[in-house]
Amino acid sequence: MGHNAMVVLSRRTAAQQAGASESTILRVIAAGRPPTTRTSAGGHEIGPSELARVYPPKPSSVASDHAAQRSVGQDAPGDETVGVAPGVATRLAVMEVELKGLQTMVAELKQDQWRAREAERATLGPTRPWWKRLAG
């Protein structure tokens, strides 16, 4: 993925991140919000920031995530969200949604790659061990 690649979410991924069902997301898309792009397969691509506008992340979940990280000791010193301007907190929440979308996308790509390899192996049939191929 290049620097200018836009992150988009599938309807299923958007539903997972929003904490809603796919049918709910489909109804919201049919109502015209959030704006989506139609894929060649007939699906929808949703931008994480557009999803966050319709389904804003709950501040309690963001705060609990940060509290859990602090309890494990993974936060950098002074990384507090208390007293942060609302615009910054919103941008942070949108970025967290985008990060989750990217993580989900990577997991889906890994699964697709694994399935493609397995399908290719299945079409090749049984292979001989390397030493038998050398011996002829």
Protein backbone atom coordinates (compact mmCIF):
# COMPACT_ATOMS: atom_id res chain seq x y z
CA MET A 1 0.00 0.00 0.00
CA GLY A 2 1.39 3.41 -0.92
CA HIS A 3 1.23 6.67 0.91
CA ASN A 4 -1.78 7.86 -1.07
CA ALA A 5 -3.82 4.66 -0.64
CA MET A 6 -7.16 5.32 0.98
CA VAL A 7 -8.30 3.04 3.76
CA VAL A 8 -11.80 1.68 3.21
CA LEU A 9 -13.88 -0.76 5.19
CA SER A 10 -16.18 -3.48 3.95
CA ARG A 11 -19.74 -3.56 5.22
CA ARG A 12 -18.86 -6.44 7.56
CA THR A 13 -15.81 -4.65 8.98
CA ALA A 14 -17.78 -1.44 9.39
CA ALA A 15 -20.47 -3.35 11.29
CA GLN A 16 -17.88 -4.90 13.60
CA GLN A 17 -16.28 -1.55 14.35
CA ALA A 18 -19.58 0.24 14.84
CA GLY A 19 -20.92 -2.50 17.10
CA ALA A 20 -23.94 -2.93 14.83
CA SER A 21 -25.23 -5.68 12.57
CA GLU A 22 -24.53 -5.77 8.85
CA SER A 23 -28.22 -5.25 8.12
CA THR A 24 -28.19 -2.08 10.24
CA ILE A 25 -25.17 -0.79 8.33
CA LEU A 26 -26.93 -1.64 5.04
CA ARG A 27 -30.02 0.32 6.12
CA VAL A 28 -27.87 3.30 7.07
CA ILE A 29 -26.08 3.10 3.70
CA ALA A 30 -29.44 2.92 1.90
CA ALA A 31 -30.48 6.07 3.75
CA GLY A 32 -27.46 7.84 2.26
CA ARG A 33 -25.23 8.12 5.28
CA PRO A 34 -22.37 7.47 5.42
CA PRO A 35 -21.31 8.13 1.83
CA THR A 36 -20.00 4.92 0.29
CA THR A 37 -18.35 3.77 -2.91
CA ARG A 38 -19.82 0.85 -4.84
CA THR A 39 -17.38 -1.97 -5.62
CA SER A 40 -17.36 -3.87 -8.91
CA ALA A 41 -18.78 -6.88 -7.03
CA GLY A 42 -21.75 -4.81 -5.85
CA GLY A 43 -20.57 -4.28 -2.28
CA HIS A 44 -19.92 -1.04 -0.47
CA GLU A 45 -16.68 0.58 0.66
CA ILE A 46 -16.94 2.91 3.64
CA GLY A 47 -14.27 5.33 4.81
CA PRO A 48 -13.40 4.95 8.51
CA SER A 49 -13.86 8.67 9.10
CA GLU A 50 -17.33 8.55 7.50
CA LEU A 51 -18.23 5.59 9.71
CA ALA A 52 -17.01 7.49 12.77
CA ARG A 53 -19.28 10.42 11.86
CA VAL A 54 -22.34 8.17 11.81
CA TYR A 55 -21.24 5.89 14.67
CA PRO A 56 -18.91 7.96 16.86
CA PRO A 57 -16.67 5.87 19.10
CA LYS A 58 -17.86 5.81 22.66
CA PRO A 59 -15.56 7.87 24.91
CA SER A 60 -15.86 5.25 27.65
CA SER A 61 -14.39 2.56 25.37
CA VAL A 62 -11.49 4.82 24.37
CA ALA A 63 -10.86 5.75 28.00
CA SER A 64 -11.07 2.12 29.13
CA ASP A 65 -8.61 1.09 26.38
CA HIS A 66 -6.16 3.71 27.62
CA ALA A 67 -6.69 2.69 31.24
CA ALA A 68 -6.03 -0.95 30.33
CA GLN A 69 -2.83 0.01 28.52
CA ARG A 70 -1.65 2.07 31.49
CA SER A 71 -2.31 -0.82 33.86
CA VAL A 72 -0.14 -3.06 31.69
CA GLY A 73 2.49 -0.31 31.45
CA GLN A 74 2.43 0.11 27.67
CA ASP A 75 1.69 3.83 27.58
CA ALA A 76 4.47 6.34 27.23
CA PRO A 77 4.97 8.62 30.24
CA GLY A 78 2.70 11.66 30.10
CA ASP A 79 0.36 10.14 27.49
CA GLU A 80 -2.86 11.35 29.05
CA THR A 81 -6.13 12.08 27.25
CA VAL A 82 -7.55 14.03 30.19
CA GLY A 83 -7.69 17.74 29.41
CA VAL A 84 -7.23 17.23 25.64
CA ALA A 85 -9.18 19.51 23.33
CA PRO A 86 -12.37 17.90 21.98
CA GLY A 87 -11.16 18.17 18.38
CA VAL A 88 -8.02 16.24 19.23
CA ALA A 89 -9.99 13.58 21.08
CA THR A 90 -12.28 13.19 18.07
CA ARG A 91 -9.32 12.87 15.70
CA LEU A 92 -7.79 10.29 18.04
CA ALA A 93 -11.02 8.30 18.03
CA VAL A 94 -11.20 8.43 14.21
CA MET A 95 -7.58 7.29 13.96
CA GLU A 96 -8.26 4.42 16.35
CA VAL A 97 -11.17 3.35 14.13
CA GLU A 98 -8.91 3.54 11.07
CA LEU A 99 -6.24 1.50 12.87
CA LYS A 100 -8.76 -1.21 13.75
CA GLY A 101 -9.90 -1.19 10.13
CA LEU A 102 -6.34 -1.64 8.91
CA GLN A 103 -5.72 -4.46 11.38
CA THR A 104 -8.88 -6.20 10.22
CA MET A 105 -7.90 -5.67 6.59
CA VAL A 106 -4.46 -7.20 7.19
CA ALA A 107 -6.03 -10.21 8.89
CA GLU A 108 -8.46 -10.67 5.99
CA LEU A 109 -5.63 -10.38 3.45
CA LYS A 110 -3.59 -13.00 5.30
CA GLN A 111 -6.58 -15.36 5.27
CA ASP A 112 -7.15 -14.73 1.55
CA GLN A 113 -3.47 -15.37 0.83
CA TRP A 114 -3.57 -18.62 2.80
CA ARG A 115 -6.72 -19.75 0.97
CA ALA A 116 -5.14 -18.94 -2.41
CA ARG A 117 -2.04 -20.96 -1.54
CA GLU A 118 -4.14 -23.91 -0.40
CA ALA A 119 -6.23 -23.75 -3.59
CA GLU A 120 -3.06 -23.66 -5.69
CA ARG A 121 -1.64 -26.67 -3.83
CA ALA A 122 -4.88 -28.55 -4.36
CA THR A 123 -4.76 -27.97 -8.14
CA LEU A 124 -1.13 -29.07 -8.42
CA GLY A 125 -1.80 -32.50 -6.98
CA PRO A 126 0.73 -34.57 -5.07
CA THR A 127 4.36 -33.62 -5.47
CA ARG A 128 7.38 -35.84 -5.22
CA PRO A 129 10.00 -35.19 -2.55
CA TRP A 130 12.95 -33.07 -3.68
CA TRP A 131 15.41 -35.95 -3.58
CA LYS A 132 13.28 -38.02 -5.95
CA ARG A 133 13.03 -35.10 -8.34
CA LEU A 134 16.83 -34.81 -8.37
CA ALA A 135 17.36 -38.51 -8.95
CA GLY A 136 14.86 -38.52 -11.78
